[in-house]
C-alpha atoms as a PDB file:
ATOM      1  CA  UNK A   1      -8.301  12.064  49.080  1.00  0.00           C
ATOM      2  CA  UNK A   2     -10.240   9.065  47.985  1.00  0.00           C
ATOM      3  CA  UNK A   3     -11.740  11.002  45.144  1.00  0.00           C
ATOM      4  CA  UNK A   4      -8.245  12.194  44.124  1.00  0.00           C
ATOM      5  CA  UNK A   5      -7.059   8.593  43.777  1.00  0.00           C
ATOM      6  CA  UNK A   6     -10.145   7.674  41.722  1.00  0.00           C
ATOM      7  CA  UNK A   7      -9.245  10.332  39.223  1.00  0.00           C
ATOM      8  CA  UNK A   8      -5.551   9.349  39.275  1.00  0.00           C
ATOM      9  CA  UNK A   9      -6.209   5.808  38.493  1.00  0.00           C
ATOM     10  CA  UNK A  10      -8.780   6.816  35.862  1.00  0.00           C
ATOM     11  CA  UNK A  11      -6.043   8.954  34.325  1.00  0.00           C
ATOM     12  CA  UNK A  12      -3.624   6.023  34.361  1.00  0.00           C
ATOM     13  CA  UNK A  13      -6.197   3.711  32.811  1.00  0.00           C
ATOM     14  CA  UNK A  14      -6.955   6.152  29.969  1.00  0.00           C
ATOM     15  CA  UNK A  15      -3.217   6.510  29.298  1.00  0.00           C
ATOM     16  CA  UNK A  16      -2.782   2.720  29.154  1.00  0.00           C
ATOM     17  CA  UNK A  17      -5.826   2.431  26.843  1.00  0.00           C
ATOM     18  CA  UNK A  18      -4.381   5.142  24.548  1.00  0.00           C
ATOM     19  CA  UNK A  19      -1.020   3.449  24.438  1.00  0.00           C
ATOM     20  CA  UNK A  20      -2.447   0.032  23.863  1.00  0.00           C
ATOM     21  CA  UNK A  21      -5.114   0.688  21.299  1.00  0.00           C
ATOM     22  CA  UNK A  22      -3.235   3.687  19.793  1.00  0.00           C
ATOM     23  CA  UNK A  23      -0.115   1.606  19.481  1.00  0.00           C
ATOM     24  CA  UNK A  24      -2.146  -0.970  17.477  1.00  0.00           C
ATOM     25  CA  UNK A  25      -3.423   1.824  15.252  1.00  0.00           C
ATOM     26  CA  UNK A  26       0.100   3.123  14.604  1.00  0.00           C
ATOM     27  CA  UNK A  27       1.342  -0.406  13.884  1.00  0.00           C
ATOM     28  CA  UNK A  28      -1.506  -0.821  11.365  1.00  0.00           C
ATOM     29  CA  UNK A  29      -0.714   2.436   9.654  1.00  0.00           C
ATOM     30  CA  UNK A  30       2.892   1.374   9.010  1.00  0.00           C
ATOM     31  CA  UNK A  31       1.506  -0.642   6.161  1.00  0.00           C
ATOM     32  CA  UNK A  32      -0.426   0.475   3.069  1.00  0.00           C
ATOM     33  CA  UNK A  33      -4.213   0.471   2.834  1.00  0.00           C
ATOM     34  CA  UNK A  34      -4.403  -2.753   0.738  1.00  0.00           C
ATOM     35  CA  UNK A  35      -4.538  -6.367   1.765  1.00  0.00           C
ATOM     36  CA  UNK A  36      -4.204  -9.723   0.062  1.00  0.00           C
ATOM     37  CA  UNK A  37      -5.399 -13.154   1.182  1.00  0.00           C
ATOM     38  CA  UNK A  38      -2.614 -14.698  -0.833  1.00  0.00           C
ATOM     39  CA  UNK A  39       0.417 -15.004   1.419  1.00  0.00           C
ATOM     40  CA  UNK A  40       2.763 -14.985  -1.511  1.00  0.00           C
ATOM     41  CA  UNK A  41       1.515 -11.501  -2.421  1.00  0.00           C
ATOM     42  CA  UNK A  42       0.469 -10.036   0.953  1.00  0.00           C
ATOM     43  CA  UNK A  43       3.747  -8.249   1.967  1.00  0.00           C
ATOM     44  CA  UNK A  44       4.036  -6.539  -1.332  1.00  0.00           C
ATOM     45  CA  UNK A  45       0.353  -5.567  -1.691  1.00  0.00           C
ATOM     46  CA  UNK A  46       0.315  -4.131   1.791  1.00  0.00           C
ATOM     47  CA  UNK A  47       3.504  -2.099   1.317  1.00  0.00           C
ATOM     48  CA  UNK A  48       3.307   1.667   1.627  1.00  0.00           C
ATOM     49  CA  UNK A  49       5.362   2.389  -1.447  1.00  0.00           C
ATOM     50  CA  UNK A  50       7.543   0.732  -4.080  1.00  0.00           C
ATOM     51  CA  UNK A  51       8.978   1.145  -7.549  1.00  0.00           C
ATOM     52  CA  UNK A  52       7.970  -0.733 -10.660  1.00  0.00           C
ATOM     53  CA  UNK A  53       9.945  -0.991 -13.923  1.00  0.00           C
ATOM     54  CA  UNK A  54       7.669  -2.310 -16.656  1.00  0.00           C
ATOM     55  CA  UNK A  55       9.308  -3.516 -19.912  1.00  0.00           C
ATOM     56  CA  UNK A  56       7.211  -4.284 -22.859  1.00  0.00           C
ATOM     57  CA  UNK A  57       9.205  -6.318 -25.378  1.00  0.00           C
ATOM     58  CA  UNK A  58       7.690  -6.361 -28.884  1.00  0.00           C
ATOM     59  CA  UNK A  59       9.660  -7.965 -31.741  1.00  0.00           C
ATOM     60  CA  UNK A  60      12.969  -7.172 -29.856  1.00  0.00           C
ATOM     61  CA  UNK A  61      11.950  -3.526 -29.344  1.00  0.00           C
ATOM     62  CA  UNK A  62      11.672  -2.546 -25.682  1.00  0.00           C
ATOM     63  CA  UNK A  63       9.254   0.027 -24.278  1.00  0.00           C
ATOM     64  CA  UNK A  64       9.781   1.023 -20.724  1.00  0.00           C
ATOM     65  CA  UNK A  65       7.529   2.479 -18.021  1.00  0.00           C
ATOM     66  CA  UNK A  66       8.886   3.567 -14.640  1.00  0.00           C
ATOM     67  CA  UNK A  67       6.272   3.848 -11.865  1.00  0.00           C
ATOM     68  CA  UNK A  68       6.758   5.195  -8.302  1.00  0.00           C
ATOM     69  CA  UNK A  69       3.787   3.802  -6.425  1.00  0.00           C
ATOM     70  CA  UNK A  70       2.556   5.508  -3.295  1.00  0.00           C
ATOM     71  CA  UNK A  71      -0.236   3.237  -1.990  1.00  0.00           C
ATOM     72  CA  UNK A  72      -1.013   5.465   1.044  1.00  0.00           C
ATOM     73  CA  UNK A  73      -2.025   8.407  -0.980  1.00  0.00           C
ATOM     74  CA  UNK A  74      -2.975   6.389  -4.039  1.00  0.00           C
ATOM     75  CA  UNK A  75      -0.675   8.436  -6.236  1.00  0.00           C
ATOM     76  CA  UNK A  76       1.490   6.905  -9.107  1.00  0.00           C
ATOM     77  CA  UNK A  77       4.244   8.927 -10.744  1.00  0.00           C
ATOM     78  CA  UNK A  78       4.862   7.463 -14.219  1.00  0.00           C
ATOM     79  CA  UNK A  79       7.535   8.086 -16.705  1.00  0.00           C
ATOM     80  CA  UNK A  80       7.274   6.289 -20.045  1.00  0.00           C
ATOM     81  CA  UNK A  81       9.080   5.845 -23.380  1.00  0.00           C
ATOM     82  CA  UNK A  82       9.387   9.137 -25.098  1.00  0.00           C
ATOM     83  CA  UNK A  83      10.018  11.014 -21.724  1.00  0.00           C
ATOM     84  CA  UNK A  84       6.297  11.451 -21.093  1.00  0.00           C
ATOM     85  CA  UNK A  85       5.777  11.945 -17.307  1.00  0.00           C
ATOM     86  CA  UNK A  86       2.524  12.204 -15.507  1.00  0.00           C
ATOM     87  CA  UNK A  87       1.034  11.915 -12.015  1.00  0.00           C
ATOM     88  CA  UNK A  88      -2.038   9.844 -11.547  1.00  0.00           C
ATOM     89  CA  UNK A  89      -4.077  10.508  -8.312  1.00  0.00           C
ATOM     90  CA  UNK A  90      -6.431   7.521  -8.182  1.00  0.00           C
ATOM     91  CA  UNK A  91      -8.137   8.726  -5.084  1.00  0.00           C
ATOM     92  CA  UNK A  92      -9.346  11.970  -6.815  1.00  0.00           C
ATOM     93  CA  UNK A  93      -9.338  10.723 -10.366  1.00  0.00           C
ATOM     94  CA  UNK A  94      -6.844  13.593 -11.406  1.00  0.00           C
ATOM     95  CA  UNK A  95      -4.355  12.985 -14.062  1.00  0.00           C
ATOM     96  CA  UNK A  96      -1.600  15.613 -14.204  1.00  0.00           C
ATOM     97  CA  UNK A  97       0.484  16.124 -17.337  1.00  0.00           C
ATOM     98  CA  UNK A  98       2.832  19.116 -17.003  1.00  0.00           C
ATOM     99  CA  UNK A  99       0.584  22.131 -16.180  1.00  0.00           C
ATOM    100  CA  UNK A 100      -2.598  20.417 -17.329  1.00  0.00           C
ATOM    101  CA  UNK A 101      -4.857  18.381 -15.063  1.00  0.00           C
ATOM    102  CA  UNK A 102      -7.603  15.993 -16.376  1.00  0.00           C
ATOM    103  CA  UNK A 103     -10.362  14.370 -14.297  1.00  0.00           C
ATOM    104  CA  UNK A 104     -10.847  10.945 -15.825  1.00  0.00           C
ATOM    105  CA  UNK A 105     -11.495   7.413 -14.733  1.00  0.00           C
ATOM    106  CA  UNK A 106      -8.202   5.504 -14.576  1.00  0.00           C
ATOM    107  CA  UNK A 107      -7.043   1.899 -13.948  1.00  0.00           C
ATOM    108  CA  UNK A 108      -3.836   1.101 -12.073  1.00  0.00           C
ATOM    109  CA  UNK A 109      -0.872  -0.895 -13.199  1.00  0.00           C
ATOM    110  CA  UNK A 110      -1.055  -2.456  -9.624  1.00  0.00           C
ATOM    111  CA  UNK A 111      -4.443  -3.864 -10.588  1.00  0.00           C
ATOM    112  CA  UNK A 112      -2.290  -6.875 -11.750  1.00  0.00           C
ATOM    113  CA  UNK A 113      -2.558  -7.996  -8.078  1.00  0.00           C
ATOM    114  CA  UNK A 114      -6.336  -8.295  -8.389  1.00  0.00           C
ATOM    115  CA  UNK A 115      -5.857 -10.458 -11.474  1.00  0.00           C
ATOM    116  CA  UNK A 116      -3.513 -12.748  -9.586  1.00  0.00           C
ATOM    117  CA  UNK A 117      -5.967 -13.138  -6.707  1.00  0.00           C
ATOM    118  CA  UNK A 118      -8.798 -14.069  -9.152  1.00  0.00           C
ATOM    119  CA  UNK A 119      -6.635 -16.559 -11.124  1.00  0.00           C
ATOM    120  CA  UNK A 120      -8.285 -19.675 -12.531  1.00  0.00           C
ATOM    121  CA  UNK A 121      -5.432 -21.852 -11.351  1.00  0.00           C
ATOM    122  CA  UNK A 122      -2.489 -21.362  -9.153  1.00  0.00           C
ATOM    123  CA  UNK A 123       0.685 -23.455  -8.904  1.00  0.00           C
ATOM    124  CA  UNK A 124       3.329 -23.081  -6.120  1.00  0.00           C
ATOM    125  CA  UNK A 125       6.541 -23.893  -8.108  1.00  0.00           C
ATOM    126  CA  UNK A 126       8.910 -23.122  -5.191  1.00  0.00           C
ATOM    127  CA  UNK A 127       9.278 -20.825  -2.207  1.00  0.00           C
ATOM    128  CA  UNK A 128      10.249 -18.062  -4.554  1.00  0.00           C
ATOM    129  CA  UNK A 129       8.017 -18.644  -7.578  1.00  0.00           C
ATOM    130  CA  UNK A 130       4.324 -19.059  -8.104  1.00  0.00           C
ATOM    131  CA  UNK A 131       2.419 -19.428 -11.413  1.00  0.00           C
ATOM    132  CA  UNK A 132      -1.080 -17.993 -11.989  1.00  0.00           C
ATOM    133  CA  UNK A 133      -3.352 -18.831 -14.935  1.00  0.00           C
ATOM    134  CA  UNK A 134      -5.497 -15.848 -15.742  1.00  0.00           C
ATOM    135  CA  UNK A 135      -8.523 -16.144 -17.964  1.00  0.00           C
ATOM    136  CA  UNK A 136      -8.460 -14.617 -21.519  1.00  0.00           C
ATOM    137  CA  UNK A 137     -11.350 -12.240 -20.610  1.00  0.00           C
ATOM    138  CA  UNK A 138      -9.757 -10.996 -17.366  1.00  0.00           C
ATOM    139  CA  UNK A 139      -6.280 -10.352 -18.887  1.00  0.00           C
ATOM    140  CA  UNK A 140      -7.845  -8.549 -21.834  1.00  0.00           C
ATOM    141  CA  UNK A 141      -9.923  -6.237 -19.600  1.00  0.00           C
ATOM    142  CA  UNK A 142      -6.786  -5.486 -17.635  1.00  0.00           C
ATOM    143  CA  UNK A 143      -4.746  -4.613 -20.740  1.00  0.00           C
ATOM    144  CA  UNK A 144      -7.492  -2.529 -22.258  1.00  0.00           C
ATOM    145  CA  UNK A 145      -7.806  -0.458 -19.031  1.00  0.00           C
ATOM    146  CA  UNK A 146      -4.122  -0.061 -18.153  1.00  0.00           C
ATOM    147  CA  UNK A 147      -2.720   0.556 -21.667  1.00  0.00           C
ATOM    148  CA  UNK A 148      -4.702   3.743 -21.804  1.00  0.00           C
ATOM    149  CA  UNK A 149      -2.779   4.974 -18.719  1.00  0.00           C
ATOM    150  CA  UNK A 150       0.712   3.878 -19.808  1.00  0.00           C
ATOM    151  CA  UNK A 151       1.578   6.791 -22.160  1.00  0.00           C
ATOM    152  CA  UNK A 152       3.967   5.700 -24.919  1.00  0.00           C
ATOM    153  CA  UNK A 153       5.325   7.122 -28.128  1.00  0.00           C
ATOM    154  CA  UNK A 154       2.495   5.880 -30.209  1.00  0.00           C
ATOM    155  CA  UNK A 155       4.478   3.230 -32.062  1.00  0.00           C
ATOM    156  CA  UNK A 156       2.790   0.262 -30.339  1.00  0.00           C
ATOM    157  CA  UNK A 157      -0.347  -0.752 -28.500  1.00  0.00           C
ATOM    158  CA  UNK A 158      -1.072  -3.695 -26.343  1.00  0.00           C
ATOM    159  CA  UNK A 159      -2.623  -6.604 -28.378  1.00  0.00           C
ATOM    160  CA  UNK A 160      -5.344  -8.738 -26.851  1.00  0.00           C
ATOM    161  CA  UNK A 161      -4.663 -12.227 -25.602  1.00  0.00           C
ATOM    162  CA  UNK A 162      -5.925 -15.054 -27.699  1.00  0.00           C
ATOM    163  CA  UNK A 163      -6.075 -17.524 -24.813  1.00  0.00           C
ATOM    164  CA  UNK A 164      -5.607 -17.846 -21.087  1.00  0.00           C
ATOM    165  CA  UNK A 165      -2.233 -16.455 -19.905  1.00  0.00           C
ATOM    166  CA  UNK A 166       0.245 -17.807 -17.474  1.00  0.00           C
ATOM    167  CA  UNK A 167       1.716 -15.120 -15.218  1.00  0.00           C
ATOM    168  CA  UNK A 168       4.991 -16.055 -13.464  1.00  0.00           C
ATOM    169  CA  UNK A 169       5.519 -14.412 -10.139  1.00  0.00           C
ATOM    170  CA  UNK A 170       8.847 -14.258  -8.256  1.00  0.00           C
ATOM    171  CA  UNK A 171       9.789 -13.130  -4.846  1.00  0.00           C
ATOM    172  CA  UNK A 172      12.973 -12.783  -2.796  1.00  0.00           C
ATOM    173  CA  UNK A 173      12.159 -13.538   0.818  1.00  0.00           C
ATOM    174  CA  UNK A 174       9.463 -11.069   1.761  1.00  0.00           C
ATOM    175  CA  UNK A 175       8.676  -9.052  -1.355  1.00  0.00           C
ATOM    176  CA  UNK A 176       7.990  -9.630  -5.055  1.00  0.00           C
ATOM    177  CA  UNK A 177      10.846  -9.050  -7.348  1.00  0.00           C
ATOM    178  CA  UNK A 178       9.356  -9.857 -10.809  1.00  0.00           C
ATOM    179  CA  UNK A 179       6.198 -10.633 -12.606  1.00  0.00           C
ATOM    180  CA  UNK A 180       6.367 -11.925 -16.233  1.00  0.00           C
ATOM    181  CA  UNK A 181       3.857 -13.024 -18.816  1.00  0.00           C
ATOM    182  CA  UNK A 182       3.912 -13.475 -22.577  1.00  0.00           C
ATOM    183  CA  UNK A 183       0.865 -12.573 -24.686  1.00  0.00           C
ATOM    184  CA  UNK A 184       2.296 -13.814 -27.968  1.00  0.00           C
ATOM    185  CA  UNK A 185       5.510 -15.369 -29.214  1.00  0.00           C
ATOM    186  CA  UNK A 186       6.839 -11.894 -30.134  1.00  0.00           C
ATOM    187  CA  UNK A 187       5.510  -9.857 -27.162  1.00  0.00           C
ATOM    188  CA  UNK A 188       6.140 -10.131 -23.451  1.00  0.00           C
ATOM    189  CA  UNK A 189       5.568  -7.887 -20.442  1.00  0.00           C
ATOM    190  CA  UNK A 190       7.774  -7.840 -17.361  1.00  0.00           C
ATOM    191  CA  UNK A 191       7.316  -5.970 -14.014  1.00  0.00           C
ATOM    192  CA  UNK A 192      10.379  -5.531 -11.702  1.00  0.00           C
ATOM    193  CA  UNK A 193       9.784  -4.348  -8.196  1.00  0.00           C
ATOM    194  CA  UNK A 194      12.192  -2.461  -5.977  1.00  0.00           C
ATOM    195  CA  UNK A 195      12.601   0.273  -3.433  1.00  0.00           C
ATOM    196  CA  UNK A 196      10.145  -1.099  -0.801  1.00  0.00           C
ATOM    197  CA  UNK A 197      10.112   1.454   1.896  1.00  0.00           C
ATOM    198  CA  UNK A 198       7.636   0.431   4.531  1.00  0.00           C
ATOM    199  CA  UNK A 199      10.524  -0.990   6.535  1.00  0.00           C
ATOM    200  CA  UNK A 200      12.320   2.365   6.419  1.00  0.00           C
ATOM    201  CA  UNK A 201       9.177   4.187   7.609  1.00  0.00           C
ATOM    202  CA  UNK A 202       8.661   1.655  10.511  1.00  0.00           C
ATOM    203  CA  UNK A 203      12.160   2.731  11.782  1.00  0.00           C
ATOM    204  CA  UNK A 204      10.882   6.357  12.007  1.00  0.00           C
ATOM    205  CA  UNK A 205       8.185   5.398  14.566  1.00  0.00           C
ATOM    206  CA  UNK A 206       9.960   4.914  18.029  1.00  0.00           C
ATOM    207  CA  UNK A 207       8.708   2.098  20.157  1.00  0.00           C
ATOM    208  CA  UNK A 208       6.172   3.044  22.856  1.00  0.00           C
ATOM    209  CA  UNK A 209       6.682   1.962  26.480  1.00  0.00           C
ATOM    210  CA  UNK A 210       3.918   1.836  29.037  1.00  0.00           C
ATOM    211  CA  UNK A 211       4.322   4.366  31.876  1.00  0.00           C
ATOM    212  CA  UNK A 212       5.701   3.296  35.248  1.00  0.00           C
ATOM    213  CA  UNK A 213       2.828   3.796  37.818  1.00  0.00           C
ATOM    214  CA  UNK A 214       5.373   4.579  40.540  1.00  0.00           C
ATOM    215  CA  UNK A 215       6.959   7.356  38.448  1.00  0.00           C
ATOM    216  CA  UNK A 216       3.506   8.640  37.533  1.00  0.00           C
ATOM    217  CA  UNK A 217       2.501   8.986  41.168  1.00  0.00           C
ATOM    218  CA  UNK A 218       5.702  10.989  41.949  1.00  0.00           C
ATOM    219  CA  UNK A 219       5.432  13.303  39.003  1.00  0.00           C
ATOM    220  CA  UNK A 220       1.801  14.305  39.275  1.00  0.00           C
ATOM    221  CA  UNK A 221       1.166  17.517  41.166  1.00  0.00           C
ATOM    222  CA  UNK A 222      -1.909  16.606  43.236  1.00  0.00           C
ATOM    223  CA  UNK A 223      -2.578  20.293  43.993  1.00  0.00           C
ATOM    224  CA  UNK A 224      -4.077  20.475  40.443  1.00  0.00           C
ATOM    225  CA  UNK A 225      -6.836  18.113  41.554  1.00  0.00           C
ATOM    226  CA  UNK A 226      -8.191  20.673  44.127  1.00  0.00           C
ATOM    227  CA  UNK A 227     -10.666  21.968  41.691  1.00  0.00           C
ATOM    228  CA  UNK A 228     -12.078  18.453  41.339  1.00  0.00           C
ATOM    229  CA  UNK A 229     -12.891  18.248  45.063  1.00  0.00           C
ATOM    230  CA  UNK A 230     -14.611  21.606  44.794  1.00  0.00           C
ATOM    231  CA  UNK A 231     -16.498  20.377  41.720  1.00  0.00           C
ATOM    232  CA  UNK A 232     -17.608  17.214  43.489  1.00  0.00           C
ATOM    233  CA  UNK A 233     -18.710  19.168  46.568  1.00  0.00           C
ATOM    234  CA  UNK A 234     -20.716  21.553  44.457  1.00  0.00           C
ATOM    235  CA  UNK A 235     -22.158  18.692  42.477  1.00  0.00           C
ATOM    236  CA  UNK A 236     -23.347  17.026  45.711  1.00  0.00           C
ATOM    237  CA  UNK A 237     -25.155  20.208  46.653  1.00  0.00           C
ATOM    238  CA  UNK A 238     -27.288  19.887  43.516  1.00  0.00           C
END
């Protein structure tokens, strides 16, 4: 009987460990795979998914890009001016346009977060606004890499910055709502964020309660442990 209780409590211990450590793993997976050391950005950067509307205003002409971002799978679904739609899988490097798939190196529109974290200067304007000064070299590298991914109707291309750029970032409580910067007097770029769904996905995961040891004792059929006694006796013979 002593051996039976040893196995019972071992079983209880394993269950508790699984619920404790496994629960932590589940909680971690509610968020996306990315992290930010900047508290102003962290909730957005770690979100599982969100939507971005990018508007490029050039001499009063507006060019739009709509991006559904899935950060868990690293897949961006992008629709641009001219009704061009494609799916970029950044994990595999596959770019799908209609029935055609290309395997090419790609940069993400969300790489803007990396720029912000590497800013030369940061100013906390208020609880809902923060300004980031990005070096001319860094912003130009970002524009050159991402403009190739944002398919448009061919009537414009991103110009290069002639100096450091101030990026204005806004949030509403927990998440970012808007990022804005101006490259020249006639050209500006704006990101609008919406449809954060990590909260909705958290609701899908029910809370986990630890088992009641008293209930566990009553529900376990100890007859199933008979073979363990036989195993122990046979083991002692050896």
